[in-house]
Amino acid sequence: MKIETFPVGPFQMNCYLAYDEASKKGVIFDPGDEVPTLLARIKQLKLELSHILLTHGHIDHVAFAEDMHRVLGVPMLLHRDDWSMAKNAPKQAMMFGLPPGPVPEIDGELKVQKEFSADPFVLEIRHTPGHSPGSVTLISHPHKLAFVGDVVFQGSIGRTDLPGSNHRQLIDSIGREILSLPDDYKLFPGHGPATTVGAERRANPFLQEFR
């Protein structure tokens, strides 16, 4: 799995383009902004994407995702518990003084499952609420990595001062669904650099109870 990271928009949210270099097939995670740049890179690489996968429904992750959805015409999926939040993306934008994008048209739910086929990959989907009700973590076991959205960061965790967030629920989600992975699994967060399960278990000040 080849992964390219694009920090996009005013919040510098990490959009991830993941693909297989041989087959030229892949998926994109959280194309929340700067869609023309993302589409240009997809075209340059001559990729065929199978899905748009949204880790959760906050504005920086979904603001302009519909623009990509309309161009690619592939399923755009989000956990059901964040559907209403995503539908209110234009209102979220205005709350932050940002120009509103189109309402995301979600095609289906990212359900909890051991084997979700997102050609050419097979991902495990785990529900990791706390930062938002519908936050998910998407894991590729063959590649020993996970896309964690805003659940956990290098040395930090997601905000829990937003509507629908809950600090205790977030800590429990991280302990149950992320720190249960082997230490060498790489974590790709919604902001900032990648990290590993082991590094966060050992040094993340918010996760001391799991050491």
N, C-alpha and C. Protein backbone atom coordinates (compact mmCIF):
# COMPACT_ATOMS: atom_id res chain seq x y z
N MET A 1 0.84 -1.19 0.00
CA MET A 1 0.00 0.00 0.00
C MET A 1 0.88 1.24 0.00
N LYS A 2 0.73 2.06 -1.00
CA LYS A 2 1.40 3.35 -1.08
C LYS A 2 0.46 4.41 -0.51
N ILE A 3 0.96 5.25 0.39
CA ILE A 3 0.13 6.26 1.03
C ILE A 3 0.74 7.63 0.78
N GLU A 4 -0.07 8.55 0.27
CA GLU A 4 0.34 9.94 0.12
C GLU A 4 -0.53 10.80 1.02
N THR A 5 0.11 11.73 1.72
CA THR A 5 -0.57 12.59 2.69
C THR A 5 -0.69 14.00 2.15
N PHE A 6 -1.90 14.57 2.27
CA PHE A 6 -2.15 15.93 1.79
C PHE A 6 -2.77 16.74 2.93
N PRO A 7 -2.01 17.58 3.62
CA PRO A 7 -2.63 18.46 4.62
C PRO A 7 -3.41 19.57 3.88
N VAL A 8 -4.72 19.56 4.03
CA VAL A 8 -5.55 20.45 3.22
C VAL A 8 -6.39 21.40 4.09
N GLY A 9 -6.74 22.54 3.49
CA GLY A 9 -7.67 23.47 4.11
C GLY A 9 -7.09 24.25 5.26
N PRO A 10 -7.89 25.14 5.84
CA PRO A 10 -7.41 26.01 6.92
C PRO A 10 -7.03 25.25 8.19
N PHE A 11 -7.57 24.04 8.37
CA PHE A 11 -7.24 23.26 9.56
C PHE A 11 -6.07 22.30 9.30
N GLN A 12 -5.53 22.31 8.06
CA GLN A 12 -4.44 21.40 7.68
C GLN A 12 -4.78 19.96 8.08
N MET A 13 -5.95 19.55 7.65
CA MET A 13 -6.42 18.18 7.89
C MET A 13 -5.74 17.23 6.91
N ASN A 14 -5.32 16.09 7.41
CA ASN A 14 -4.64 15.10 6.57
C ASN A 14 -5.63 14.29 5.74
N CYS A 15 -5.62 14.54 4.44
CA CYS A 15 -6.31 13.66 3.49
C CYS A 15 -5.28 12.62 3.05
N TYR A 16 -5.72 11.36 2.99
CA TYR A 16 -4.81 10.28 2.60
C TYR A 16 -5.28 9.63 1.30
N LEU A 17 -4.36 9.48 0.38
CA LEU A 17 -4.58 8.74 -0.85
C LEU A 17 -3.80 7.44 -0.73
N ALA A 18 -4.51 6.32 -0.72
CA ALA A 18 -3.87 5.01 -0.55
C ALA A 18 -4.13 4.18 -1.81
N TYR A 19 -3.06 3.61 -2.35
CA TYR A 19 -3.23 2.89 -3.60
C TYR A 19 -2.18 1.80 -3.77
N ASP A 20 -2.46 0.90 -4.68
CA ASP A 20 -1.53 -0.15 -5.05
C ASP A 20 -0.82 0.28 -6.33
N GLU A 21 0.50 0.34 -6.28
CA GLU A 21 1.26 0.87 -7.41
C GLU A 21 1.17 -0.02 -8.65
N ALA A 22 0.97 -1.32 -8.45
CA ALA A 22 0.92 -2.24 -9.58
C ALA A 22 -0.41 -2.16 -10.32
N SER A 23 -1.51 -2.23 -9.57
CA SER A 23 -2.84 -2.25 -10.19
C SER A 23 -3.38 -0.87 -10.49
N LYS A 24 -2.80 0.16 -9.85
CA LYS A 24 -3.27 1.54 -9.99
C LYS A 24 -4.69 1.72 -9.44
N LYS A 25 -5.04 0.90 -8.46
CA LYS A 25 -6.33 1.02 -7.79
C LYS A 25 -6.12 1.52 -6.38
N GLY A 26 -7.12 2.25 -5.86
CA GLY A 26 -6.96 2.78 -4.52
C GLY A 26 -8.22 3.39 -3.95
N VAL A 27 -8.07 4.03 -2.80
CA VAL A 27 -9.16 4.71 -2.10
C VAL A 27 -8.62 6.03 -1.56
N ILE A 28 -9.53 6.93 -1.21
CA ILE A 28 -9.13 8.20 -0.61
C ILE A 28 -9.89 8.41 0.68
N PHE A 29 -9.18 8.91 1.69
CA PHE A 29 -9.74 9.15 3.01
C PHE A 29 -9.85 10.65 3.26
N ASP A 30 -11.04 11.11 3.60
CA ASP A 30 -11.27 12.48 4.07
C ASP A 30 -10.79 13.57 3.10
N PRO A 31 -11.31 13.59 1.88
CA PRO A 31 -10.94 14.67 0.95
C PRO A 31 -11.74 15.94 1.23
N GLY A 32 -11.45 16.56 2.38
CA GLY A 32 -12.28 17.65 2.88
C GLY A 32 -12.06 19.00 2.24
N ASP A 33 -10.95 19.18 1.53
CA ASP A 33 -10.66 20.49 0.95
C ASP A 33 -9.61 20.31 -0.15
N GLU A 34 -9.37 21.40 -0.89
CA GLU A 34 -8.38 21.41 -1.97
C GLU A 34 -8.59 20.26 -2.95
N VAL A 35 -9.83 20.03 -3.28
CA VAL A 35 -10.19 18.91 -4.15
C VAL A 35 -9.53 18.99 -5.53
N PRO A 36 -9.42 20.16 -6.17
CA PRO A 36 -8.72 20.20 -7.47
C PRO A 36 -7.29 19.66 -7.40
N THR A 37 -6.58 19.96 -6.33
CA THR A 37 -5.22 19.45 -6.16
C THR A 37 -5.23 17.93 -6.03
N LEU A 38 -6.17 17.42 -5.25
CA LEU A 38 -6.28 15.97 -5.06
C LEU A 38 -6.62 15.27 -6.37
N LEU A 39 -7.57 15.83 -7.11
CA LEU A 39 -7.97 15.23 -8.38
C LEU A 39 -6.83 15.26 -9.39
N ALA A 40 -6.04 16.33 -9.36
CA ALA A 40 -4.90 16.41 -10.28
C ALA A 40 -3.89 15.32 -9.98
N ARG A 41 -3.67 15.04 -8.71
CA ARG A 41 -2.72 13.99 -8.34
C ARG A 41 -3.26 12.61 -8.74
N ILE A 42 -4.55 12.39 -8.54
CA ILE A 42 -5.16 11.12 -8.94
C ILE A 42 -5.01 10.91 -10.45
N LYS A 43 -5.24 11.97 -11.19
CA LYS A 43 -5.10 11.90 -12.65
C LYS A 43 -3.65 11.67 -13.06
N GLN A 44 -2.73 12.35 -12.38
CA GLN A 44 -1.31 12.21 -12.70
C GLN A 44 -0.85 10.77 -12.50
N LEU A 45 -1.35 10.14 -11.44
CA LEU A 45 -0.97 8.77 -11.12
C LEU A 45 -1.77 7.73 -11.93
N LYS A 46 -2.79 8.21 -12.64
CA LYS A 46 -3.67 7.33 -13.43
C LYS A 46 -4.33 6.28 -12.56
N LEU A 47 -4.87 6.75 -11.42
CA LEU A 47 -5.49 5.84 -10.46
C LEU A 47 -6.98 5.66 -10.73
N GLU A 48 -7.46 4.50 -10.38
CA GLU A 48 -8.90 4.21 -10.37
C GLU A 48 -9.29 3.99 -8.92
N LEU A 49 -10.07 4.92 -8.36
CA LEU A 49 -10.46 4.82 -6.95
C LEU A 49 -11.80 4.10 -6.82
N SER A 50 -11.91 3.30 -5.76
CA SER A 50 -13.14 2.54 -5.54
C SER A 50 -14.07 3.19 -4.53
N HIS A 51 -13.52 3.97 -3.58
CA HIS A 51 -14.33 4.54 -2.50
C HIS A 51 -13.76 5.87 -2.03
N ILE A 52 -14.65 6.70 -1.49
CA ILE A 52 -14.30 7.84 -0.66
C ILE A 52 -14.72 7.47 0.76
N LEU A 53 -13.76 7.38 1.67
CA LEU A 53 -14.03 6.92 3.03
C LEU A 53 -13.82 8.07 4.00
N LEU A 54 -14.84 8.35 4.81
CA LEU A 54 -14.81 9.47 5.75
C LEU A 54 -14.68 8.93 7.17
N THR A 55 -13.61 9.35 7.86
CA THR A 55 -13.40 8.85 9.22
C THR A 55 -14.42 9.40 10.21
N HIS A 56 -14.94 10.60 9.94
CA HIS A 56 -16.01 11.17 10.76
C HIS A 56 -16.56 12.40 10.05
N GLY A 57 -17.56 13.06 10.67
CA GLY A 57 -18.32 14.07 9.96
C GLY A 57 -18.00 15.52 10.24
N HIS A 58 -16.87 15.81 10.89
CA HIS A 58 -16.54 17.21 11.18
C HIS A 58 -16.15 17.96 9.91
N ILE A 59 -16.33 19.27 9.97
CA ILE A 59 -16.26 20.13 8.80
C ILE A 59 -14.95 19.99 8.03
N ASP A 60 -13.82 19.92 8.73
CA ASP A 60 -12.55 19.87 8.01
C ASP A 60 -12.36 18.58 7.22
N HIS A 61 -13.12 17.54 7.57
CA HIS A 61 -13.02 16.25 6.89
C HIS A 61 -14.03 16.08 5.76
N VAL A 62 -15.09 16.88 5.77
CA VAL A 62 -16.16 16.67 4.79
C VAL A 62 -16.54 17.91 3.99
N ALA A 63 -15.95 19.07 4.28
CA ALA A 63 -16.45 20.34 3.73
C ALA A 63 -16.66 20.31 2.22
N PHE A 64 -15.67 19.83 1.48
CA PHE A 64 -15.77 19.82 0.02
C PHE A 64 -15.66 18.41 -0.55
N ALA A 65 -15.91 17.42 0.30
CA ALA A 65 -15.85 16.03 -0.16
C ALA A 65 -16.85 15.75 -1.27
N GLU A 66 -17.98 16.44 -1.25
CA GLU A 66 -19.00 16.22 -2.28
C GLU A 66 -18.48 16.62 -3.66
N ASP A 67 -17.59 17.60 -3.72
CA ASP A 67 -17.02 17.96 -5.01
C ASP A 67 -16.27 16.78 -5.63
N MET A 68 -15.52 16.07 -4.81
CA MET A 68 -14.81 14.88 -5.30
C MET A 68 -15.80 13.77 -5.62
N HIS A 69 -16.80 13.62 -4.79
CA HIS A 69 -17.83 12.60 -4.98
C HIS A 69 -18.49 12.75 -6.35
N ARG A 70 -18.81 13.97 -6.71
CA ARG A 70 -19.48 14.22 -7.99
C ARG A 70 -18.58 13.91 -9.18
N VAL A 71 -17.29 14.16 -9.03
CA VAL A 71 -16.35 13.90 -10.12
C VAL A 71 -16.07 12.41 -10.27
N LEU A 72 -15.78 11.74 -9.16
CA LEU A 72 -15.39 10.34 -9.22
C LEU A 72 -16.57 9.39 -9.40
N GLY A 73 -17.72 9.73 -8.81
CA GLY A 73 -18.89 8.88 -8.94
C GLY A 73 -18.75 7.53 -8.26
N VAL A 74 -17.95 7.48 -7.19
CA VAL A 74 -17.79 6.24 -6.42
C VAL A 74 -18.48 6.39 -5.08
N PRO A 75 -18.76 5.29 -4.38
CA PRO A 75 -19.45 5.39 -3.09
C PRO A 75 -18.67 6.22 -2.07
N MET A 76 -19.38 7.13 -1.40
CA MET A 76 -18.82 7.90 -0.30
C MET A 76 -19.50 7.43 0.98
N LEU A 77 -18.70 6.91 1.91
CA LEU A 77 -19.25 6.21 3.08
C LEU A 77 -18.82 6.88 4.38
N LEU A 78 -19.73 6.81 5.36
CA LEU A 78 -19.53 7.42 6.68
C LEU A 78 -20.36 6.65 7.69
N HIS A 79 -19.87 6.51 8.90
CA HIS A 79 -20.65 5.84 9.94
C HIS A 79 -21.97 6.60 10.15
N ARG A 80 -23.03 5.85 10.33
CA ARG A 80 -24.37 6.44 10.41
C ARG A 80 -24.51 7.47 11.53
N ASP A 81 -23.78 7.30 12.63
CA ASP A 81 -23.93 8.21 13.76
C ASP A 81 -23.43 9.63 13.46
N ASP A 82 -22.73 9.81 12.33
CA ASP A 82 -22.26 11.15 11.95
C ASP A 82 -22.96 11.67 10.69
N TRP A 83 -23.97 10.98 10.21
CA TRP A 83 -24.65 11.43 9.00
C TRP A 83 -25.26 12.81 9.17
N SER A 84 -25.98 13.03 10.27
CA SER A 84 -26.63 14.32 10.46
C SER A 84 -25.60 15.44 10.60
N MET A 85 -24.48 15.15 11.22
CA MET A 85 -23.41 16.14 11.35
C MET A 85 -22.88 16.52 9.97
N ALA A 86 -22.64 15.52 9.14
CA ALA A 86 -22.12 15.79 7.80
C ALA A 86 -23.12 16.58 6.97
N LYS A 87 -24.39 16.26 7.10
CA LYS A 87 -25.41 16.98 6.35
C LYS A 87 -25.45 18.47 6.71
N ASN A 88 -25.00 18.76 7.93
CA ASN A 88 -24.96 20.15 8.39
C ASN A 88 -23.61 20.81 8.14
N ALA A 89 -22.81 20.23 7.23
CA ALA A 89 -21.47 20.77 6.97
C ALA A 89 -21.48 22.25 6.59
N PRO A 90 -22.41 22.71 5.75
CA PRO A 90 -22.42 24.15 5.44
C PRO A 90 -22.62 25.03 6.68
N LYS A 91 -23.47 24.57 7.61
CA LYS A 91 -23.68 25.33 8.84
C LYS A 91 -22.43 25.28 9.72
N GLN A 92 -21.77 24.11 9.75
CA GLN A 92 -20.52 24.02 10.50
C GLN A 92 -19.50 25.03 9.96
N ALA A 93 -19.42 25.13 8.63
CA ALA A 93 -18.47 26.05 8.01
C ALA A 93 -18.74 27.49 8.45
N MET A 94 -19.99 27.88 8.41
CA MET A 94 -20.34 29.25 8.77
C MET A 94 -20.04 29.55 10.23
N MET A 95 -20.16 28.54 11.10
CA MET A 95 -19.82 28.71 12.51
C MET A 95 -18.35 29.07 12.70
N PHE A 96 -17.50 28.58 11.79
CA PHE A 96 -16.06 28.86 11.86
C PHE A 96 -15.66 30.01 10.94
N GLY A 97 -16.65 30.69 10.34
CA GLY A 97 -16.37 31.80 9.47
C GLY A 97 -15.77 31.38 8.14
N LEU A 98 -16.07 30.16 7.69
CA LEU A 98 -15.53 29.62 6.45
C LEU A 98 -16.60 29.57 5.37
N PRO A 99 -16.21 29.63 4.11
CA PRO A 99 -17.20 29.51 3.04
C PRO A 99 -17.81 28.11 3.02
N PRO A 100 -19.11 28.00 2.92
CA PRO A 100 -19.75 26.68 2.93
C PRO A 100 -19.55 25.93 1.62
N GLY A 101 -19.34 24.65 1.73
CA GLY A 101 -19.27 23.78 0.56
C GLY A 101 -20.60 23.09 0.34
N PRO A 102 -20.68 22.20 -0.63
CA PRO A 102 -21.93 21.47 -0.89
C PRO A 102 -22.23 20.46 0.20
N VAL A 103 -23.49 20.16 0.39
CA VAL A 103 -23.89 19.15 1.37
C VAL A 103 -23.39 17.78 0.91
N PRO A 104 -22.66 17.05 1.75
CA PRO A 104 -22.19 15.73 1.35
C PRO A 104 -23.36 14.76 1.17
N GLU A 105 -23.38 14.08 0.06
CA GLU A 105 -24.40 13.07 -0.22
C GLU A 105 -23.80 11.70 0.09
N ILE A 106 -24.12 11.18 1.26
CA ILE A 106 -23.54 9.92 1.72
C ILE A 106 -24.26 8.74 1.06
N ASP A 107 -23.49 7.82 0.51
CA ASP A 107 -24.07 6.68 -0.20
C ASP A 107 -24.37 5.50 0.70
N GLY A 108 -23.69 5.41 1.82
CA GLY A 108 -23.90 4.26 2.69
C GLY A 108 -23.09 4.38 3.95
N GLU A 109 -23.27 3.39 4.83
CA GLU A 109 -22.67 3.44 6.16
C GLU A 109 -21.37 2.64 6.21
N LEU A 110 -20.39 3.20 6.89
CA LEU A 110 -19.20 2.45 7.26
C LEU A 110 -19.52 1.67 8.52
N LYS A 111 -19.94 0.43 8.34
CA LYS A 111 -20.35 -0.40 9.46
C LYS A 111 -19.16 -1.11 10.08
N VAL A 112 -19.27 -1.39 11.36
CA VAL A 112 -18.25 -2.19 12.03
C VAL A 112 -18.21 -3.57 11.37
N GLN A 113 -17.02 -3.96 10.93
CA GLN A 113 -16.87 -5.26 10.27
C GLN A 113 -15.41 -5.64 10.20
N LYS A 114 -15.17 -6.94 10.16
CA LYS A 114 -13.79 -7.45 10.12
C LYS A 114 -13.17 -7.30 8.75
N GLU A 115 -13.98 -7.46 7.70
CA GLU A 115 -13.43 -7.44 6.35
C GLU A 115 -14.31 -6.60 5.43
N PHE A 116 -13.92 -5.35 5.25
CA PHE A 116 -14.61 -4.46 4.33
C PHE A 116 -13.77 -4.35 3.07
N SER A 117 -14.37 -4.68 1.95
CA SER A 117 -13.65 -4.66 0.68
C SER A 117 -13.68 -3.26 0.07
N ALA A 118 -12.51 -2.63 0.02
CA ALA A 118 -12.35 -1.33 -0.62
C ALA A 118 -11.24 -1.51 -1.64
N ASP A 119 -11.61 -2.02 -2.78
CA ASP A 119 -10.67 -2.45 -3.81
C ASP A 119 -9.54 -1.44 -4.01
N PRO A 120 -8.28 -1.87 -3.88
CA PRO A 120 -7.79 -3.24 -3.83
C PRO A 120 -7.51 -3.75 -2.42
N PHE A 121 -8.03 -3.07 -1.40
CA PHE A 121 -7.68 -3.40 -0.02
C PHE A 121 -8.86 -4.02 0.71
N VAL A 122 -8.53 -4.74 1.78
CA VAL A 122 -9.52 -5.26 2.71
C VAL A 122 -9.21 -4.63 4.07
N LEU A 123 -10.18 -3.90 4.62
CA LEU A 123 -9.98 -3.15 5.85
C LEU A 123 -10.89 -3.65 6.96
N GLU A 124 -10.41 -3.63 8.18
CA GLU A 124 -11.28 -3.81 9.34
C GLU A 124 -11.76 -2.44 9.77
N ILE A 125 -13.05 -2.34 10.07
CA ILE A 125 -13.62 -1.07 10.53
C ILE A 125 -14.02 -1.21 12.00
N ARG A 126 -13.47 -0.34 12.82
CA ARG A 126 -13.81 -0.32 14.24
C ARG A 126 -14.45 1.02 14.58
N HIS A 127 -15.51 0.99 15.37
CA HIS A 127 -16.20 2.19 15.82
C HIS A 127 -15.42 2.76 17.01
N THR A 128 -14.97 4.01 16.88
CA THR A 128 -14.17 4.64 17.94
C THR A 128 -14.75 6.01 18.31
N PRO A 129 -15.94 6.03 18.90
CA PRO A 129 -16.58 7.30 19.25
C PRO A 129 -15.88 8.00 20.41
N GLY A 130 -16.22 9.26 20.57
CA GLY A 130 -15.67 10.07 21.66
C GLY A 130 -15.31 11.45 21.14
N HIS A 131 -14.58 11.51 20.03
CA HIS A 131 -14.34 12.79 19.37
C HIS A 131 -15.60 13.20 18.63
N SER A 132 -16.23 12.25 18.00
CA SER A 132 -17.56 12.43 17.41
C SER A 132 -18.30 11.11 17.57
N PRO A 133 -19.62 11.13 17.51
CA PRO A 133 -20.37 9.88 17.71
C PRO A 133 -20.05 8.80 16.69
N GLY A 134 -19.75 9.19 15.46
CA GLY A 134 -19.54 8.23 14.40
C GLY A 134 -18.11 8.07 13.94
N SER A 135 -17.15 8.43 14.77
CA SER A 135 -15.75 8.25 14.39
C SER A 135 -15.43 6.77 14.21
N VAL A 136 -14.66 6.47 13.16
CA VAL A 136 -14.23 5.10 12.93
C VAL A 136 -12.72 5.05 12.72
N THR A 137 -12.17 3.89 12.97
CA THR A 137 -10.78 3.59 12.66
C THR A 137 -10.77 2.49 11.62
N LEU A 138 -10.00 2.69 10.56
CA LEU A 138 -9.94 1.74 9.45
C LEU A 138 -8.56 1.12 9.41
N ILE A 139 -8.49 -0.20 9.52
CA ILE A 139 -7.24 -0.91 9.74
C ILE A 139 -6.92 -1.83 8.57
N SER A 140 -5.69 -1.77 8.10
CA SER A 140 -5.19 -2.74 7.14
C SER A 140 -4.21 -3.65 7.88
N HIS A 141 -4.65 -4.85 8.21
CA HIS A 141 -3.78 -5.76 8.95
C HIS A 141 -2.60 -6.25 8.11
N PRO A 142 -2.80 -6.53 6.81
CA PRO A 142 -1.64 -6.96 6.02
C PRO A 142 -0.52 -5.93 5.97
N HIS A 143 -0.90 -4.64 6.05
CA HIS A 143 0.10 -3.57 5.97
C HIS A 143 0.45 -3.00 7.35
N LYS A 144 -0.16 -3.52 8.39
CA LYS A 144 0.10 -3.11 9.77
C LYS A 144 -0.03 -1.60 9.95
N LEU A 145 -1.22 -1.09 9.59
CA LEU A 145 -1.46 0.35 9.73
C LEU A 145 -2.94 0.61 9.93
N ALA A 146 -3.23 1.82 10.42
CA ALA A 146 -4.62 2.22 10.66
C ALA A 146 -4.78 3.70 10.39
N PHE A 147 -5.92 4.04 9.80
CA PHE A 147 -6.32 5.44 9.61
C PHE A 147 -7.27 5.76 10.75
N VAL A 148 -6.85 6.69 11.63
CA VAL A 148 -7.56 6.88 12.90
C VAL A 148 -8.34 8.19 12.98
N GLY A 149 -8.38 8.98 11.91
CA GLY A 149 -9.11 10.23 11.97
C GLY A 149 -8.58 11.10 13.09
N ASP A 150 -9.49 11.72 13.85
CA ASP A 150 -9.09 12.60 14.95
C ASP A 150 -9.24 11.93 16.31
N VAL A 151 -9.16 10.61 16.34
CA VAL A 151 -9.29 9.89 17.60
C VAL A 151 -8.03 10.05 18.44
N VAL A 152 -6.88 9.81 17.82
CA VAL A 152 -5.61 9.92 18.54
C VAL A 152 -4.57 10.52 17.60
N PHE A 153 -3.68 11.32 18.18
CA PHE A 153 -2.60 11.95 17.42
C PHE A 153 -1.26 11.59 18.07
N GLN A 154 -0.18 12.00 17.45
CA GLN A 154 1.12 11.84 18.07
C GLN A 154 1.17 12.68 19.34
N GLY A 155 1.16 12.02 20.48
CA GLY A 155 1.25 12.70 21.76
C GLY A 155 -0.01 13.39 22.22
N SER A 156 -1.13 13.14 21.58
CA SER A 156 -2.36 13.83 21.96
C SER A 156 -3.57 12.98 21.56
N ILE A 157 -4.76 13.52 21.80
CA ILE A 157 -6.01 12.86 21.44
C ILE A 157 -6.95 13.90 20.83
N GLY A 158 -8.05 13.44 20.27
CA GLY A 158 -9.02 14.34 19.66
C GLY A 158 -9.72 15.24 20.67
N ARG A 159 -10.22 16.35 20.19
CA ARG A 159 -10.96 17.28 21.04
C ARG A 159 -12.23 16.62 21.56
N THR A 160 -12.61 16.99 22.78
CA THR A 160 -13.86 16.49 23.35
C THR A 160 -14.69 17.63 23.92
N ASP A 161 -14.50 18.83 23.34
CA ASP A 161 -15.30 19.99 23.74
C ASP A 161 -16.30 20.37 22.64
N LEU A 162 -16.57 19.45 21.74
CA LEU A 162 -17.47 19.70 20.62
C LEU A 162 -18.80 18.97 20.83
N PRO A 163 -19.87 19.41 20.20
CA PRO A 163 -21.15 18.71 20.34
C PRO A 163 -21.03 17.23 19.96
N GLY A 164 -21.54 16.37 20.83
CA GLY A 164 -21.50 14.94 20.56
C GLY A 164 -20.23 14.25 21.00
N SER A 165 -19.27 15.01 21.53
CA SER A 165 -18.02 14.41 21.98
C SER A 165 -18.10 14.06 23.46
N ASN A 166 -17.20 13.14 23.88
CA ASN A 166 -17.20 12.70 25.27
C ASN A 166 -15.80 12.19 25.61
N HIS A 167 -15.17 12.81 26.58
CA HIS A 167 -13.77 12.49 26.89
C HIS A 167 -13.60 11.05 27.34
N ARG A 168 -14.41 10.59 28.28
CA ARG A 168 -14.26 9.23 28.79
C ARG A 168 -14.51 8.21 27.69
N GLN A 169 -15.49 8.49 26.86
CA GLN A 169 -15.79 7.58 25.75
C GLN A 169 -14.62 7.50 24.77
N LEU A 170 -13.97 8.65 24.52
CA LEU A 170 -12.83 8.67 23.63
C LEU A 170 -11.67 7.85 24.19
N ILE A 171 -11.34 8.06 25.45
CA ILE A 171 -10.26 7.30 26.08
C ILE A 171 -10.55 5.81 26.03
N ASP A 172 -11.79 5.43 26.32
CA ASP A 172 -12.16 4.02 26.27
C ASP A 172 -12.04 3.47 24.85
N SER A 173 -12.44 4.25 23.86
CA SER A 173 -12.33 3.81 22.46
C SER A 173 -10.88 3.55 22.09
N ILE A 174 -10.00 4.47 22.48
CA ILE A 174 -8.58 4.32 22.16
C ILE A 174 -8.02 3.06 22.82
N GLY A 175 -8.33 2.89 24.09
CA GLY A 175 -7.81 1.72 24.80
C GLY A 175 -8.32 0.41 24.23
N ARG A 176 -9.61 0.39 23.90
CA ARG A 176 -10.24 -0.85 23.42
C ARG A 176 -9.90 -1.17 21.98
N GLU A 177 -9.95 -0.17 21.11
CA GLU A 177 -9.91 -0.43 19.67
C GLU A 177 -8.56 -0.11 19.01
N ILE A 178 -7.77 0.76 19.61
CA ILE A 178 -6.49 1.13 18.99
C ILE A 178 -5.31 0.54 19.75
N LEU A 179 -5.27 0.69 21.05
CA LEU A 179 -4.15 0.14 21.81
C LEU A 179 -4.21 -1.38 21.90
N SER A 180 -5.28 -1.97 21.44
CA SER A 180 -5.36 -3.43 21.36
C SER A 180 -4.62 -3.96 20.14
N LEU A 181 -4.20 -3.07 19.24
CA LEU A 181 -3.40 -3.46 18.08
C LEU A 181 -1.94 -3.65 18.51
N PRO A 182 -1.16 -4.42 17.74
CA PRO A 182 0.26 -4.58 18.06
C PRO A 182 1.01 -3.26 18.03
N ASP A 183 2.07 -3.17 18.81
CA ASP A 183 2.82 -1.92 18.95
C ASP A 183 3.41 -1.41 17.65
N ASP A 184 3.69 -2.31 16.70
CA ASP A 184 4.35 -1.87 15.47
C ASP A 184 3.37 -1.38 14.40
N TYR A 185 2.07 -1.35 14.69
CA TYR A 185 1.11 -0.82 13.72
C TYR A 185 1.28 0.69 13.63
N LYS A 186 1.34 1.19 12.40
CA LYS A 186 1.48 2.62 12.17
C LYS A 186 0.11 3.28 12.17
N LEU A 187 0.02 4.45 12.77
CA LEU A 187 -1.24 5.19 12.86
C LEU A 187 -1.16 6.46 12.02
N PHE A 188 -2.16 6.65 11.16
CA PHE A 188 -2.24 7.83 10.32
C PHE A 188 -3.40 8.70 10.81
N PRO A 189 -3.09 9.79 11.53
CA PRO A 189 -4.13 10.63 12.13
C PRO A 189 -4.63 11.73 11.20
N GLY A 190 -5.70 12.38 11.62
CA GLY A 190 -6.30 13.44 10.83
C GLY A 190 -5.52 14.74 10.83
N HIS A 191 -4.57 14.87 11.74
CA HIS A 191 -3.72 16.07 11.81
C HIS A 191 -2.36 15.65 12.32
N GLY A 192 -1.32 16.29 11.81
CA GLY A 192 0.01 16.03 12.31
C GLY A 192 0.65 14.77 11.73
N PRO A 193 1.83 14.41 12.27
CA PRO A 193 2.60 13.29 11.72
C PRO A 193 2.03 11.94 12.10
N ALA A 194 2.43 10.93 11.34
CA ALA A 194 2.08 9.55 11.68
C ALA A 194 2.83 9.13 12.94
N THR A 195 2.30 8.11 13.60
CA THR A 195 2.91 7.60 14.81
C THR A 195 2.69 6.08 14.84
N THR A 196 2.93 5.46 15.96
CA THR A 196 2.69 4.03 16.10
C THR A 196 1.89 3.75 17.36
N VAL A 197 1.29 2.57 17.40
CA VAL A 197 0.56 2.16 18.60
C VAL A 197 1.49 2.15 19.80
N GLY A 198 2.68 1.59 19.63
CA GLY A 198 3.62 1.49 20.74
C GLY A 198 4.07 2.84 21.27
N ALA A 199 4.33 3.77 20.36
CA ALA A 199 4.76 5.10 20.78
C ALA A 199 3.69 5.79 21.60
N GLU A 200 2.44 5.64 21.20
CA GLU A 200 1.36 6.30 21.96
C GLU A 200 1.10 5.59 23.28
N ARG A 201 1.24 4.29 23.29
CA ARG A 201 1.07 3.55 24.55
C ARG A 201 2.12 3.98 25.57
N ARG A 202 3.35 4.19 25.09
CA ARG A 202 4.46 4.51 26.00
C ARG A 202 4.50 5.97 26.42
N ALA A 203 4.15 6.88 25.51
CA ALA A 203 4.48 8.29 25.76
C ALA A 203 3.31 9.26 25.71
N ASN A 204 2.15 8.84 25.22
CA ASN A 204 1.04 9.79 25.12
C ASN A 204 0.53 10.13 26.52
N PRO A 205 0.61 11.40 26.92
CA PRO A 205 0.24 11.76 28.30
C PRO A 205 -1.23 11.54 28.62
N PHE A 206 -2.08 11.45 27.60
CA PHE A 206 -3.50 11.24 27.83
C PHE A 206 -3.84 9.76 28.04
N LEU A 207 -2.89 8.88 27.81
CA LEU A 207 -3.17 7.45 27.82
C LEU A 207 -2.34 6.71 28.88
N GLN A 208 -2.00 7.42 29.94
CA GLN A 208 -1.13 6.83 30.97
C GLN A 208 -1.74 5.60 31.60
N GLU A 209 -3.07 5.54 31.69
CA GLU A 209 -3.71 4.40 32.36
C GLU A 209 -3.50 3.08 31.63
N PHE A 210 -3.06 3.16 30.37
CA PHE A 210 -2.89 1.93 29.58
C PHE A 210 -1.45 1.45 29.52
N ARG A 211 -0.54 2.13 30.19
CA ARG A 211 0.86 1.73 30.15
C ARG A 211 1.09 0.47 30.97
